[in-house]
Protein backbone atom coordinates (compact mmCIF):
# COMPACT_ATOMS: atom_id res chain seq x y z
CA MET A 1 199.14 61.96 109.50
CA ALA A 2 197.35 58.61 109.02
CA ARG A 3 194.54 59.77 111.29
CA LYS A 4 194.11 62.94 109.23
CA ARG A 5 193.86 60.90 106.00
CA GLU A 6 191.30 58.60 107.62
CA ALA A 7 189.29 61.62 108.79
CA ARG A 8 189.31 63.09 105.29
CA SER A 9 188.24 59.76 103.79
CA GLU A 10 185.32 59.53 106.22
CA ALA A 11 184.30 63.11 105.39
CA ARG A 12 184.34 62.37 101.66
CA ALA A 13 182.26 59.24 102.18
CA ALA A 14 179.69 61.24 104.12
CA ASN A 15 179.71 64.08 101.53
CA PRO A 16 181.01 63.15 98.05
CA ASN A 17 181.11 66.84 97.07
CA ALA A 18 183.40 67.82 99.96
CA ALA A 19 186.52 67.43 97.82
CA ASN A 20 184.98 69.76 95.21
CA PRO A 21 182.94 72.48 96.93
CA ASN A 22 181.83 73.86 93.56
CA ALA A 23 180.16 70.58 92.53
CA ALA A 24 177.17 70.99 94.83
CA SER A 25 176.61 74.61 93.83
CA ALA A 26 176.89 73.63 90.16
CA LYS A 27 173.97 71.25 90.60
CA VAL A 28 171.88 73.87 92.39
CA LYS A 29 172.63 76.78 90.05
CA ALA A 30 171.46 75.85 86.57
CA LYS A 31 172.68 77.98 83.69
CA PRO A 32 170.09 80.68 82.99
CA LEU A 33 168.11 80.41 79.77
CA ARG A 34 168.52 83.73 77.99
CA VAL A 35 165.51 84.62 75.84
CA VAL A 36 165.07 87.86 73.87
CA ASP A 37 161.81 88.96 72.27
CA PHE A 38 162.70 91.06 69.20
CA GLY A 39 159.84 93.35 68.23
CA CYS A 40 158.05 92.71 71.52
CA GLY A 41 155.15 95.11 71.00
CA GLU A 42 153.17 95.54 74.20
CA GLY A 43 154.78 92.41 75.64
CA TYR A 44 152.05 89.80 75.16
CA TYR A 45 154.35 86.99 73.97
CA SER A 46 157.06 87.90 76.46
CA SER A 47 154.43 87.61 79.19
CA VAL A 48 153.48 84.12 78.01
CA VAL A 49 157.14 82.99 78.05
CA LEU A 50 157.57 84.44 81.52
CA GLU A 51 154.44 82.70 82.79
CA ARG A 52 155.49 79.32 81.35
CA ALA A 53 159.00 79.58 82.77
CA ARG A 54 157.80 80.54 86.24
CA ALA A 55 155.54 77.47 86.28
CA ARG A 56 158.57 75.16 85.93
CA ASP A 57 161.16 74.21 88.51
CA ASP A 58 163.91 73.41 86.00
CA VAL A 59 164.12 76.76 84.18
CA GLU A 60 165.95 79.86 85.35
CA LEU A 61 164.90 82.50 82.84
CA GLU A 62 166.71 85.70 81.87
CA LEU A 63 164.28 87.59 79.65
CA ALA A 64 164.81 90.72 77.55
CA ALA A 65 162.44 92.48 75.16
CA LEU A 66 163.20 95.03 72.44
CA ASP A 67 161.02 97.17 70.20
CA ALA A 68 161.74 100.07 67.88
CA SER A 69 158.68 101.90 69.22
CA LYS A 70 159.17 103.70 72.52
CA ASP A 71 155.42 103.52 73.18
CA ALA A 72 155.44 99.74 72.67
CA ALA A 73 158.52 99.34 74.88
CA ASP A 74 156.86 101.42 77.60
CA LEU A 75 153.76 99.19 77.49
CA CYS A 76 155.94 96.08 77.63
CA ALA A 77 157.93 97.47 80.55
CA ALA A 78 154.70 98.22 82.41
CA ALA A 79 153.59 94.62 81.88
CA ILE A 80 156.79 92.69 82.65
CA GLY A 81 159.45 95.24 83.55
CA ARG A 82 159.89 93.81 87.05
CA PHE A 83 160.92 90.47 85.59
CA ALA A 84 162.68 91.43 82.34
CA ARG A 85 164.90 94.01 80.73
CA VAL A 86 163.05 96.13 78.18
CA ALA A 87 164.73 98.50 75.75
CA VAL A 88 164.06 100.55 72.63
CA ALA A 89 166.00 99.04 69.71
CA ASP A 90 165.45 98.28 66.03
CA ALA A 91 165.63 94.51 65.45
CA THR A 92 166.63 95.05 61.81
CA ARG A 93 169.85 96.91 62.67
CA ASP A 94 172.87 96.46 64.95
CA LEU A 95 171.51 94.86 68.10
CA PRO A 96 172.65 96.13 71.52
CA LEU A 97 173.72 92.62 72.55
CA ASP A 98 177.03 90.79 72.83
CA ASP A 99 178.10 88.04 70.47
CA ASP A 100 177.01 84.52 71.49
CA SER A 101 174.95 85.87 74.40
CA VAL A 102 171.41 84.61 73.67
CA ASP A 103 169.89 81.11 73.83
CA VAL A 104 166.52 81.79 72.20
CA ALA A 105 165.48 84.66 69.93
CA MET A 106 161.77 85.32 69.39
CA SER A 107 160.38 87.25 66.43
CA VAL A 108 156.58 87.20 66.28
CA PHE A 109 155.10 89.14 63.36
CA ALA A 110 158.06 91.51 63.56
CA PRO A 111 160.88 92.54 61.22
CA ARG A 112 164.27 90.97 61.94
CA SER A 113 167.84 90.58 60.71
CA PRO A 114 168.87 86.92 60.47
CA THR A 115 172.55 87.90 60.30
CA GLU A 116 172.28 89.88 63.52
CA LEU A 117 170.39 87.04 65.19
CA ALA A 118 173.17 84.70 64.10
CA ARG A 119 175.70 87.03 65.73
CA VAL A 120 173.99 87.26 69.12
CA LEU A 121 172.85 83.63 69.36
CA ARG A 122 175.15 80.99 70.79
CA LYS A 123 175.96 77.93 68.68
CA GLY A 124 172.92 75.67 68.65
CA GLY A 125 170.70 78.55 69.78
CA ARG A 126 167.17 78.82 68.45
CA ALA A 127 165.32 81.53 66.57
CA VAL A 128 161.53 81.18 66.87
CA VAL A 129 159.84 83.06 64.05
CA ALA A 130 156.13 83.58 63.39
CA SER A 131 155.27 85.24 60.08
CA PRO A 132 152.08 85.60 58.01
CA ASP A 133 151.28 83.36 55.08
CA ASP A 134 150.02 84.62 51.74
CA ASP A 135 146.30 84.41 52.61
CA HIS A 136 146.54 85.97 56.08
CA MET A 137 143.67 88.48 56.45
CA VAL A 138 142.85 88.11 52.76
CA GLU A 139 139.18 89.07 53.31
CA LEU A 140 140.18 92.42 54.80
CA ARG A 141 142.60 93.19 51.99
CA ASP A 142 139.87 92.43 49.47
CA ALA A 143 137.25 94.45 51.39
CA PHE A 144 139.38 97.59 51.56
CA ARG A 145 141.29 97.23 48.30
CA ASP A 146 139.50 100.18 46.68
CA ASP A 147 138.84 102.10 49.89
CA ASP A 148 140.30 105.60 49.82
CA LYS A 149 140.15 105.92 53.63
CA ILE A 150 142.51 103.16 54.73
CA THR A 151 145.02 100.75 53.22
CA VAL A 152 145.32 97.15 54.42
CA LEU A 153 148.77 95.98 53.38
CA GLY A 154 149.18 92.59 51.77
CA VAL A 155 151.74 89.86 52.41
CA GLU A 156 154.58 89.68 49.91
CA PRO A 157 154.30 86.61 47.66
CA ASN A 158 156.15 83.51 48.88
CA LYS A 159 157.06 85.21 52.14
CA SER A 160 157.69 81.92 53.95
CA THR A 161 160.20 80.83 51.33
CA ARG A 162 161.97 84.18 51.51
CA VAL A 163 162.21 83.99 55.31
CA ASP A 164 163.66 80.47 55.08
CA GLU A 165 166.21 81.54 52.49
CA ALA A 166 167.37 84.47 54.61
CA PHE A 167 167.88 82.29 57.70
CA LEU A 168 169.61 79.49 55.79
CA ALA A 169 171.98 82.03 54.23
CA ALA A 170 172.78 83.34 57.74
CA GLY A 171 173.83 79.89 58.97
CA PHE A 172 170.60 78.44 60.34
CA ASP A 173 168.74 75.21 59.68
CA VAL A 174 165.01 74.49 60.05
CA VAL A 175 164.30 72.17 62.99
CA PHE A 176 160.55 72.70 63.40
CA ARG A 177 157.73 74.09 61.30
CA ARG A 178 154.02 74.42 61.90
CA ALA A 179 151.43 76.05 59.68
CA ILE A 180 148.45 77.49 61.52
CA ARG A 181 145.34 78.40 59.58
CA ASP A 182 141.76 79.08 60.57
CA VAL A 183 138.77 81.07 59.40
CA VAL A 184 137.17 82.85 62.32
CA PRO A 185 134.21 85.20 62.84
CA LEU A 186 135.33 88.39 64.55
CA PRO A 187 133.38 91.31 66.02
CA ALA A 188 134.06 94.72 64.54
CA ASP A 189 136.32 95.85 67.40
CA ALA A 190 138.53 92.78 66.97
CA VAL A 191 138.72 93.35 63.21
CA ALA A 192 139.86 96.93 63.77
CA ASP A 193 142.43 95.76 66.33
CA LEU A 194 143.73 93.15 63.88
CA VAL A 195 144.27 95.76 61.18
CA PHE A 196 145.81 98.30 63.56
CA MET A 197 148.24 95.88 65.24
CA GLY A 198 149.93 94.94 61.96
CA PRO A 199 152.01 96.99 59.53
CA SER A 200 148.82 98.67 58.31
CA GLY A 201 148.72 100.43 61.67
CA PHE A 202 151.77 102.46 60.65
CA HIS A 203 149.97 103.77 57.56
CA ASN A 204 146.50 104.50 58.94
CA PRO A 205 145.24 106.40 61.99
CA GLU A 206 143.39 104.16 64.42
CA SER A 207 140.27 106.34 64.15
CA ALA A 208 140.24 105.92 60.36
CA ILE A 209 140.53 102.14 60.68
CA ARG A 210 137.62 101.94 63.13
CA ASP A 211 135.48 104.21 60.98
CA ALA A 212 136.20 102.11 57.87
CA VAL A 213 135.55 98.79 59.61
CA GLY A 214 132.22 99.98 61.01
CA ASP A 215 130.07 97.94 63.39
CA ALA A 216 129.49 94.74 61.41
CA PRO A 217 131.29 91.49 62.30
CA ARG A 218 133.44 89.86 59.62
CA VAL A 219 134.86 86.44 58.82
CA VAL A 220 138.65 86.59 58.60
CA THR A 221 141.32 84.07 57.59
CA ILE A 222 144.14 83.77 60.12
CA SER A 223 147.13 82.11 58.44
CA PHE A 224 150.75 82.08 59.56
CA ASN A 225 153.80 79.87 60.00
CA VAL A 226 155.79 79.18 63.16
CA VAL A 227 159.33 78.07 62.36
CA VAL A 228 162.21 77.22 64.69
CA TYR A 229 165.67 77.75 63.23
CA ALA A 230 168.82 76.35 64.88
CA LEU A 231 172.14 78.11 64.50
CA LEU A 232 174.66 75.66 63.03
CA ARG A 233 177.99 77.44 63.49
């Protein structure tokens, strides 16, 4: 019996994890980081997250992307479907996700429900939200204000404050904020794309937007806020 105890002691000295076989595997298998892109569009931002995660050795990513548009979800699936789960779902309604199942929620220029994000995020989870500021694309709104061919929708007044209030009421706190603003010259094709990719794209045919924009370049203000909210509960 003494010899067996000595043998076990020597084995533990040689391999400290021998007494707990799960300890070694726990070090090797890091907990996956679950990220969901709500309102993913064609998958551009999901692709960036995927690229950044794959460049790191310390991140095991589980990525999902949702959009209310089937066409957008199909484009996203074509771009990243091999590496992520993509589904058609409205981010403003009941989300097809379990409670406390997500680490990071992304909402980039997309509608969202802070209460639903609070439900699916784990405690301490993050919601990363990018939304337009009041003067975003102001030149285009002014240029087409009286145009009877297309309508360029404006940004509701004090949108940033309203977004903050909705997240705070849902149990979040602001942990990071960055305002991004620039005035950039854009070719006509890029101007048309900018109008079509936003909510104005739902109210105007793409052909009408391109006809109204014409061939001339324009100077456009790009203005939005990136805010990270942490779930407190």
